[in-house]
Protein backbone atom coordinates (compact mmCIF):
# COMPACT_ATOMS: atom_id res chain seq x y z
CA MET A 1 149.37 -3.79 -46.92
CA ALA A 2 151.01 -6.27 -44.55
CA LYS A 3 149.12 -9.49 -43.86
CA ILE A 4 149.45 -12.05 -41.11
CA ASN A 5 150.30 -15.72 -41.51
CA ALA A 6 146.72 -17.00 -41.38
CA HIS A 7 147.90 -20.50 -40.50
CA TYR A 8 148.43 -19.29 -36.94
CA LEU A 9 144.69 -18.69 -36.74
CA LYS A 10 144.10 -22.41 -37.28
CA LEU A 11 145.70 -23.16 -33.92
CA GLU A 12 143.17 -24.01 -31.26
CA ALA A 13 142.94 -21.75 -28.24
CA GLY A 14 145.73 -21.61 -25.71
CA TYR A 15 148.92 -23.59 -25.93
CA LEU A 16 148.75 -26.31 -23.27
CA PHE A 17 151.21 -24.95 -20.73
CA PRO A 18 150.02 -21.32 -20.78
CA GLU A 19 146.50 -22.61 -20.15
CA ILE A 20 147.76 -24.59 -17.18
CA ALA A 21 149.46 -21.45 -15.88
CA ARG A 22 146.27 -19.41 -16.32
CA ARG A 23 144.10 -21.86 -14.38
CA THR A 24 146.72 -22.16 -11.68
CA ARG A 25 146.96 -18.38 -11.28
CA GLU A 26 143.19 -18.09 -10.98
CA PHE A 27 143.06 -20.80 -8.31
CA GLN A 28 145.90 -19.19 -6.35
CA ALA A 29 144.22 -15.78 -6.49
CA LYS A 30 141.04 -17.25 -5.00
CA ASN A 31 142.99 -19.37 -2.49
CA PRO A 32 146.01 -17.26 -1.47
CA ASP A 33 146.87 -19.48 1.50
CA ALA A 34 147.05 -22.66 -0.56
CA LYS A 35 150.58 -23.99 -1.06
CA LEU A 36 150.74 -25.35 -4.58
CA MET A 37 152.83 -28.39 -5.46
CA ARG A 38 153.88 -28.74 -9.07
CA LEU A 39 154.23 -32.01 -10.93
CA GLY A 40 153.34 -30.50 -14.27
CA ILE A 41 155.79 -29.04 -16.76
CA GLY A 42 158.93 -31.08 -17.36
CA ASN A 43 161.29 -28.42 -16.03
CA THR A 44 164.42 -29.55 -14.22
CA THR A 45 165.01 -28.30 -10.68
CA GLU A 46 168.41 -29.54 -9.49
CA PRO A 47 171.53 -27.36 -9.88
CA LEU A 48 174.09 -27.84 -12.61
CA THR A 49 176.73 -30.36 -11.64
CA PRO A 50 180.34 -29.39 -10.70
CA ALA A 51 181.97 -30.59 -13.93
CA ILE A 52 179.45 -28.68 -16.04
CA VAL A 53 179.80 -25.52 -13.96
CA ALA A 54 183.58 -25.75 -14.37
CA GLY A 55 183.13 -26.13 -18.13
CA LEU A 56 180.87 -23.09 -18.32
CA HIS A 57 183.32 -21.03 -16.25
CA ALA A 58 186.13 -22.12 -18.57
CA GLY A 59 184.07 -20.90 -21.49
CA VAL A 60 183.56 -17.51 -19.84
CA ASP A 61 187.27 -17.26 -19.05
CA LYS A 62 188.16 -17.94 -22.67
CA LEU A 63 185.93 -15.09 -23.79
CA ALA A 64 187.49 -12.81 -21.18
CA ASP A 65 191.00 -13.18 -22.63
CA VAL A 66 191.96 -11.60 -25.94
CA LYS A 67 194.20 -14.59 -26.71
CA THR A 68 191.35 -17.09 -26.49
CA TYR A 69 188.33 -14.94 -27.34
CA THR A 70 186.04 -16.28 -30.08
CA GLY A 71 183.13 -14.66 -31.88
CA TYR A 72 181.04 -16.42 -34.50
CA GLY A 73 181.80 -20.11 -34.83
CA ASP A 74 180.50 -22.88 -37.03
CA GLU A 75 176.71 -22.72 -37.13
CA GLN A 76 176.80 -26.51 -36.83
CA GLY A 77 178.57 -26.28 -33.46
CA PHE A 78 182.09 -26.81 -32.12
CA VAL A 79 183.89 -29.57 -33.99
CA GLU A 80 185.02 -30.99 -30.63
CA LEU A 81 181.44 -31.17 -29.41
CA ARG A 82 180.21 -32.85 -32.57
CA GLU A 83 183.06 -35.34 -32.35
CA ALA A 84 182.14 -36.10 -28.74
CA LEU A 85 178.55 -36.72 -29.81
CA ARG A 86 179.74 -38.87 -32.71
CA THR A 87 181.68 -40.98 -30.19
CA ARG A 88 178.54 -41.37 -28.07
CA TYR A 89 176.58 -42.73 -31.03
CA ALA A 90 179.42 -45.06 -31.94
CA GLY A 91 178.85 -46.58 -28.50
CA TYR A 92 175.30 -47.35 -29.63
CA GLY A 93 176.68 -49.05 -32.73
CA ALA A 94 175.76 -46.10 -34.98
CA GLU A 95 178.55 -44.76 -37.16
CA LEU A 96 178.01 -41.09 -38.00
CA ALA A 97 180.12 -38.30 -39.43
CA ALA A 98 180.65 -35.06 -37.53
CA ASP A 99 179.08 -33.05 -40.36
CA GLU A 100 175.86 -35.04 -39.95
CA ILE A 101 175.47 -33.62 -36.41
CA PHE A 102 174.11 -30.10 -35.93
CA VAL A 103 174.37 -28.48 -32.49
CA SER A 104 171.49 -26.16 -31.62
CA ASP A 105 169.71 -24.41 -28.76
CA GLY A 106 167.50 -27.40 -28.02
CA ALA A 107 165.38 -30.24 -29.35
CA LYS A 108 162.12 -28.29 -29.12
CA PRO A 109 163.10 -25.55 -31.60
CA ASP A 110 164.68 -28.13 -33.88
CA SER A 111 161.54 -30.29 -33.83
CA ALA A 112 159.59 -27.23 -35.02
CA ASN A 113 162.14 -25.89 -37.46
CA ILE A 114 162.95 -29.19 -39.15
CA GLN A 115 159.59 -29.23 -40.94
CA SER A 116 160.66 -26.17 -42.93
CA ILE A 117 162.97 -28.24 -45.15
CA PHE A 118 160.03 -30.35 -46.35
CA GLY A 119 157.36 -29.39 -48.87
CA VAL A 120 154.00 -28.16 -47.65
CA ASP A 121 152.17 -30.98 -49.43
CA ASN A 122 153.77 -33.74 -47.34
CA VAL A 123 151.34 -35.91 -45.38
CA VAL A 124 152.42 -35.83 -41.72
CA ALA A 125 151.74 -38.57 -39.16
CA VAL A 126 152.08 -37.97 -35.43
CA GLN A 127 151.76 -40.16 -32.39
CA ASP A 128 148.53 -39.48 -30.53
CA PRO A 129 149.04 -38.27 -27.84
CA ALA A 130 152.12 -36.28 -28.83
CA TYR A 131 154.26 -33.40 -27.68
CA PRO A 132 152.28 -30.37 -28.95
CA VAL A 133 155.08 -28.73 -30.94
CA TYR A 134 155.05 -31.51 -33.55
CA VAL A 135 151.46 -30.71 -34.40
CA ASP A 136 151.48 -26.95 -33.94
CA SER A 137 154.57 -26.34 -36.08
CA ASN A 138 152.99 -28.23 -38.98
CA VAL A 139 149.76 -26.29 -38.56
CA ILE A 140 151.76 -23.06 -38.77
CA GLY A 141 153.62 -24.50 -41.77
CA GLY A 142 150.33 -24.85 -43.67
CA ARG A 143 149.91 -28.64 -43.75
CA THR A 144 146.53 -28.80 -42.05
CA GLY A 145 143.06 -27.36 -41.97
CA LYS A 146 141.56 -25.50 -39.02
CA GLY A 147 141.60 -27.35 -35.72
CA GLU A 148 138.35 -28.80 -34.43
CA LYS A 149 137.96 -30.53 -31.06
CA GLY A 150 141.65 -31.27 -30.72
CA THR A 151 142.30 -32.58 -34.24
CA TYR A 152 143.53 -31.01 -37.47
CA PRO A 153 142.35 -32.15 -40.90
CA GLY A 154 145.33 -33.24 -42.98
CA LEU A 155 147.29 -34.86 -40.16
CA VAL A 156 147.35 -38.62 -39.63
CA TYR A 157 146.94 -39.46 -35.95
CA MET A 158 148.63 -42.69 -34.87
CA ARG A 159 146.70 -43.76 -31.81
CA CYS A 160 148.71 -44.76 -28.73
CA ASP A 161 146.72 -46.42 -25.96
CA GLU A 162 146.73 -49.38 -23.61
CA SER A 163 145.92 -51.82 -26.42
CA ASN A 164 149.24 -51.16 -28.18
CA GLY A 165 151.35 -50.32 -25.14
CA PHE A 166 151.22 -46.61 -26.02
CA PHE A 167 153.35 -47.16 -29.12
CA PRO A 168 151.57 -46.65 -32.45
CA ASP A 169 150.76 -49.18 -35.10
CA ILE A 170 152.37 -48.62 -38.49
CA PRO A 171 150.14 -46.44 -40.72
CA LYS A 172 147.97 -48.35 -43.16
CA GLN A 173 148.02 -45.49 -45.68
CA LYS A 174 151.03 -43.80 -47.27
CA VAL A 175 152.42 -40.92 -45.22
CA ASP A 176 155.54 -38.86 -45.88
CA ILE A 177 156.79 -37.58 -42.52
CA ILE A 178 156.43 -39.51 -39.26
CA TYR A 179 157.08 -38.03 -35.80
CA LEU A 180 158.12 -40.57 -33.17
CA CYS A 181 159.26 -39.88 -29.60
CA SER A 182 160.93 -42.49 -27.37
CA PRO A 183 161.02 -42.41 -24.39
CA ASN A 184 157.69 -40.83 -25.07
CA ASN A 185 156.48 -37.51 -23.81
CA PRO A 186 153.81 -37.67 -22.41
CA THR A 187 153.13 -41.40 -21.93
CA GLY A 188 156.56 -42.57 -20.71
CA ALA A 189 156.45 -45.53 -23.12
CA VAL A 190 159.74 -46.70 -24.69
CA ALA A 191 159.92 -48.32 -28.12
CA THR A 192 161.62 -51.66 -28.61
CA HIS A 193 164.08 -52.47 -31.38
CA GLU A 194 161.36 -54.50 -33.08
CA GLN A 195 158.85 -51.65 -32.99
CA LEU A 196 161.31 -49.15 -34.43
CA ARG A 197 162.41 -51.67 -37.05
CA GLY A 198 158.84 -51.86 -38.31
CA PHE A 199 158.69 -48.09 -38.82
CA VAL A 200 162.10 -47.99 -40.49
CA GLU A 201 161.03 -50.71 -42.93
CA TYR A 202 157.83 -48.76 -43.66
CA ALA A 203 159.77 -45.53 -44.24
CA LEU A 204 162.25 -47.22 -46.57
CA LYS A 205 159.43 -48.77 -48.57
CA HIS A 206 157.50 -45.50 -48.96
CA LYS A 207 160.47 -43.08 -49.06
CA ALA A 208 159.09 -41.45 -45.93
CA VAL A 209 161.22 -39.68 -43.33
CA ILE A 210 161.00 -40.39 -39.60
CA ILE A 211 161.70 -37.48 -37.25
CA PHE A 212 162.75 -39.23 -34.07
CA ASP A 213 162.81 -37.31 -30.78
CA SER A 214 165.09 -39.03 -28.26
CA ALA A 215 165.40 -36.15 -25.80
CA TYR A 216 164.78 -38.50 -22.86
CA ALA A 217 167.11 -41.30 -23.97
CA ALA A 218 169.34 -40.84 -20.91
CA TYR A 219 166.45 -42.09 -18.75
CA ILE A 220 166.46 -45.56 -20.31
CA SER A 221 167.96 -47.95 -17.77
CA ASP A 222 166.91 -51.18 -19.51
CA PRO A 223 169.91 -52.21 -21.67
CA THR A 224 167.65 -54.10 -24.09
CA LEU A 225 165.89 -50.91 -25.22
CA PRO A 226 167.30 -48.65 -27.97
CA ARG A 227 168.55 -45.16 -27.10
CA SER A 228 168.77 -44.08 -30.73
CA ILE A 229 166.85 -44.99 -33.84
CA PHE A 230 170.21 -45.31 -35.58
CA GLU A 231 170.65 -48.60 -33.71
CA ILE A 232 168.21 -49.95 -36.30
CA GLU A 233 169.66 -51.18 -39.59
CA GLY A 234 168.73 -48.90 -42.47
CA ALA A 235 167.68 -45.99 -40.25
CA LYS A 236 170.32 -43.64 -41.64
CA LYS A 237 168.55 -43.85 -45.00
CA CYS A 238 165.21 -42.57 -43.66
CA CYS A 239 165.59 -41.00 -40.21
CA ILE A 240 166.45 -37.68 -38.58
CA GLU A 241 167.10 -37.72 -34.84
CA LEU A 242 166.69 -34.91 -32.29
CA ASN A 243 168.21 -34.85 -28.82
CA SER A 244 168.98 -32.46 -26.01
CA PHE A 245 171.10 -31.75 -22.93
CA SER A 246 168.02 -30.32 -21.18
CA LYS A 247 166.83 -33.32 -19.21
CA GLU A 248 170.13 -35.22 -19.08
CA ALA A 249 172.31 -32.36 -17.82
CA GLY A 250 169.76 -29.88 -16.49
CA PHE A 251 170.09 -27.51 -19.46
CA THR A 252 166.39 -26.57 -19.70
CA GLY A 253 167.33 -22.91 -19.22
CA VAL A 254 170.90 -23.16 -20.48
CA ARG A 255 169.69 -24.39 -23.90
CA LEU A 256 171.73 -26.89 -25.90
CA GLY A 257 170.71 -29.77 -28.14
CA TRP A 258 171.52 -31.42 -31.43
CA THR A 259 169.94 -32.84 -34.57
CA ILE A 260 171.36 -35.62 -36.71
CA VAL A 261 170.64 -35.53 -40.45
CA PRO A 262 172.55 -38.38 -42.11
CA LYS A 263 173.73 -37.75 -45.65
CA ALA A 264 172.23 -41.11 -46.60
CA CYS A 265 168.77 -39.93 -45.53
CA VAL A 266 166.63 -39.37 -48.63
CA CYS A 267 163.05 -38.44 -49.38
CA GLU A 268 160.89 -39.03 -52.44
CA ASP A 269 162.22 -36.15 -54.55
CA GLY A 270 165.63 -35.58 -52.98
CA ALA A 271 168.95 -37.18 -53.79
CA GLU A 272 171.31 -38.55 -51.16
CA GLY A 273 172.77 -35.68 -49.13
CA GLU A 274 169.98 -33.25 -50.06
CA LEU A 275 168.24 -33.19 -46.67
CA ASN A 276 171.57 -32.74 -44.91
CA ARG A 277 172.42 -29.85 -47.24
CA LEU A 278 169.00 -28.21 -46.80
CA TRP A 279 169.20 -28.37 -43.00
CA LEU A 280 172.70 -26.86 -43.16
CA ARG A 281 171.31 -24.12 -45.41
CA ARG A 282 168.44 -23.48 -43.03
CA GLN A 283 170.73 -23.27 -39.99
CA THR A 284 173.30 -21.04 -41.64
CA THR A 285 170.54 -18.74 -42.84
CA MET A 286 168.41 -18.49 -39.70
CA PHE A 287 170.70 -19.51 -36.86
CA ASN A 288 174.14 -18.31 -35.77
CA GLY A 289 174.96 -21.32 -33.68
CA ALA A 290 174.57 -22.17 -30.00
CA SER A 291 176.28 -20.00 -27.40
CA ASN A 292 180.04 -20.55 -27.24
CA ILE A 293 179.88 -20.65 -23.44
CA VAL A 294 177.06 -23.18 -23.41
CA GLN A 295 178.91 -25.46 -25.82
CA TYR A 296 181.82 -25.64 -23.37
CA GLY A 297 179.24 -26.77 -20.83
CA GLY A 298 178.10 -29.42 -23.29
CA LEU A 299 181.65 -30.66 -23.73
CA ALA A 300 181.97 -30.90 -19.96
CA ALA A 301 178.68 -32.85 -19.76
CA LEU A 302 180.04 -35.40 -22.24
CA SER A 303 183.33 -35.82 -20.37
CA GLU A 304 183.86 -38.88 -18.17
CA ALA A 305 183.29 -36.85 -15.00
CA GLY A 306 180.34 -35.04 -16.53
CA GLN A 307 178.65 -38.27 -17.57
CA LYS A 308 178.92 -39.70 -14.06
CA GLU A 309 177.29 -36.57 -12.69
CA CYS A 310 174.57 -36.58 -15.35
CA GLN A 311 173.77 -40.21 -14.59
CA ALA A 312 173.44 -39.32 -10.91
CA LEU A 313 171.12 -36.45 -11.84
CA VAL A 314 168.94 -38.75 -13.94
CA ALA A 315 168.87 -41.28 -11.08
CA TYR A 316 167.71 -38.51 -8.72
CA TYR A 317 164.68 -37.74 -10.87
CA MET A 318 163.90 -41.42 -11.36
CA VAL A 319 163.63 -41.83 -7.57
CA ASN A 320 160.85 -39.24 -7.85
CA ALA A 321 159.23 -41.13 -10.73
CA ARG A 322 159.11 -44.29 -8.68
CA ALA A 323 157.62 -42.44 -5.69
CA ILE A 324 154.89 -40.94 -7.89
CA ARG A 325 154.06 -44.22 -9.62
CA GLU A 326 153.97 -46.28 -6.43
CA GLY A 327 152.03 -43.60 -4.54
CA LEU A 328 149.32 -43.46 -7.19
CA GLN A 329 149.11 -47.24 -7.46
CA ALA A 330 148.72 -47.45 -3.68
CA ILE A 331 145.37 -45.64 -3.92
CA GLY A 332 144.19 -47.67 -6.89
CA LEU A 333 145.03 -45.36 -9.78
CA GLU A 334 146.15 -47.04 -13.00
CA CYS A 335 149.60 -45.81 -14.07
CA PHE A 336 151.99 -46.23 -16.98
CA GLY A 337 155.54 -45.05 -17.64
CA GLY A 338 157.87 -43.79 -14.94
CA VAL A 339 160.30 -46.72 -15.36
CA ASN A 340 162.53 -45.76 -18.29
CA ALA A 341 161.16 -42.23 -18.56
CA PRO A 342 160.62 -39.30 -16.15
CA TYR A 343 156.87 -39.10 -16.77
CA VAL A 344 154.04 -41.03 -15.17
CA TRP A 345 150.91 -41.36 -17.31
CA LEU A 346 147.79 -42.14 -15.32
CA LYS A 347 144.23 -42.98 -16.29
CA THR A 348 141.82 -40.43 -14.86
CA PRO A 349 139.49 -42.02 -12.29
CA GLY A 350 135.75 -42.29 -12.61
CA GLY A 351 135.70 -41.42 -16.30
CA LEU A 352 136.70 -37.80 -15.63
CA THR A 353 137.94 -35.73 -18.53
CA SER A 354 141.58 -34.68 -18.38
CA TRP A 355 140.78 -31.05 -17.56
CA ALA A 356 138.17 -32.06 -14.99
CA PHE A 357 140.80 -34.14 -13.24
CA PHE A 358 143.24 -31.22 -13.48
CA ASP A 359 140.75 -29.05 -11.60
CA LYS A 360 139.99 -31.81 -9.10
CA LEU A 361 143.68 -32.43 -8.35
CA LEU A 362 144.32 -28.71 -8.01
CA THR A 363 141.29 -28.04 -5.81
CA GLU A 364 141.47 -31.07 -3.52
CA CYS A 365 145.22 -31.72 -3.37
CA HIS A 366 146.75 -28.40 -4.46
CA VAL A 367 148.84 -30.35 -7.00
CA VAL A 368 149.41 -29.11 -10.55
CA GLY A 369 149.73 -31.68 -13.31
CA THR A 370 149.21 -31.83 -17.07
CA PRO A 371 145.93 -32.86 -18.74
CA GLY A 372 146.42 -35.61 -21.27
CA SER A 373 144.03 -34.04 -23.76
CA GLY A 374 146.52 -31.20 -24.19
CA PHE A 375 148.70 -33.69 -26.06
CA GLY A 376 146.02 -34.61 -28.58
CA PRO A 377 142.68 -36.44 -28.73
CA GLY A 378 144.32 -39.72 -27.74
CA GLY A 379 145.30 -38.17 -24.42
CA GLU A 380 141.72 -37.60 -23.28
CA GLY A 381 141.03 -39.53 -20.10
CA TYR A 382 144.70 -39.52 -19.11
CA PHE A 383 146.95 -37.25 -17.09
CA ARG A 384 150.72 -36.66 -16.97
CA LEU A 385 152.77 -36.15 -13.83
CA SER A 386 156.41 -35.12 -14.03
CA SER A 387 159.23 -36.42 -11.82
CA PHE A 388 161.22 -33.20 -12.12
CA GLY A 389 161.34 -31.65 -8.67
CA HIS A 390 163.10 -31.75 -5.32
CA HIS A 391 162.65 -35.04 -3.45
CA GLU A 392 160.88 -33.41 -0.53
CA ASP A 393 158.50 -31.45 -2.75
CA VAL A 394 157.57 -34.54 -4.75
CA ARG A 395 157.10 -36.55 -1.55
CA LYS A 396 154.70 -33.90 -0.20
CA ALA A 397 152.75 -33.80 -3.46
CA VAL A 398 152.37 -37.58 -3.54
CA GLU A 399 151.30 -37.64 0.09
CA SER A 400 148.72 -34.93 -0.59
CA ILE A 401 147.28 -36.97 -3.45
CA LYS A 402 147.18 -40.13 -1.34
CA THR A 403 145.41 -38.48 1.59
CA ARG A 404 143.24 -35.79 0.00
CA LEU A 405 142.13 -37.01 -3.42
CA LYS A 406 138.48 -38.08 -3.22
CA LEU A 407 138.01 -41.18 -5.33
């Protein structure tokens, strides 16, 4: 008799974004004339840039010619693409080998799949609030008890709030796997070199592994802030980094990312090179590599012309972030982020819960955002707004909030 994976039943009701979609549909059905404005899910809106489109077309053309057609490639990704990424990290002062870089279909699947190379008895620590996939994938992997009121027994929640600048304090107890995200989704906070150095020193001392999500690194404009954890001395011995073309190059639907597993990275019961070998084994077993066509788009994005266009795309969204942040501050709302990250994290007014504010914003302003509590218990009382959108649409949404929100 077939049986289900009962760990799925531990997940609390409704993944965050489907629940947002459900409430939005219900409101629209009752108010068919209302024009909704969306500042919720971090989904890019602007078209792919010319250099990237040319790269994708070149990839299609290669597959259309028998002389240049390719089928299966390296599961780790094109050598040329991995070399281009290696060069990028060298610019950060991080020396990596091409076979430590694994190209994939995005940072989100990698952030879920990476936990499969670690034992089920590892103690996992997550930032609180955190991107939900870090938590949910470990619940499914069997590392927690049943969820209750937004928390899961077995996980260590590293609180991120105003008192610590939305970057967590180092755990006081021993943990084995630590999820960090900088620039942070959802809070928009960016870790300093000093803050990351503290976690690296902790991980080295306890033979823990840091899983570092830097999917929004391209949004860091402050040159004093690190774009990679491998800028920190010793990080290659204890860190795995995830990144993506989604928000930098508009690949949210195109799908392309990468994960770096240094051979020097070790855990408590694994020799040097073991984690790298296990991730290679996982990918070659369960993944056939990213699309050939998409990888040509990635190469184009990393070209000199592509990088100029990507930087312009990032700047476009950051204009939106500034408009959102300044618009909210103009009516007295307390805001964080939106400077080196595309998300604005606001404190809900009048002590409203996150979902109560979601309903209020939707009903009064016809604006859709993201309740902070959907990112964990530490997100209660906060709300995330996304800068991904057309300038005019974002401007209208901000104006609606400024003129219609009853405070």
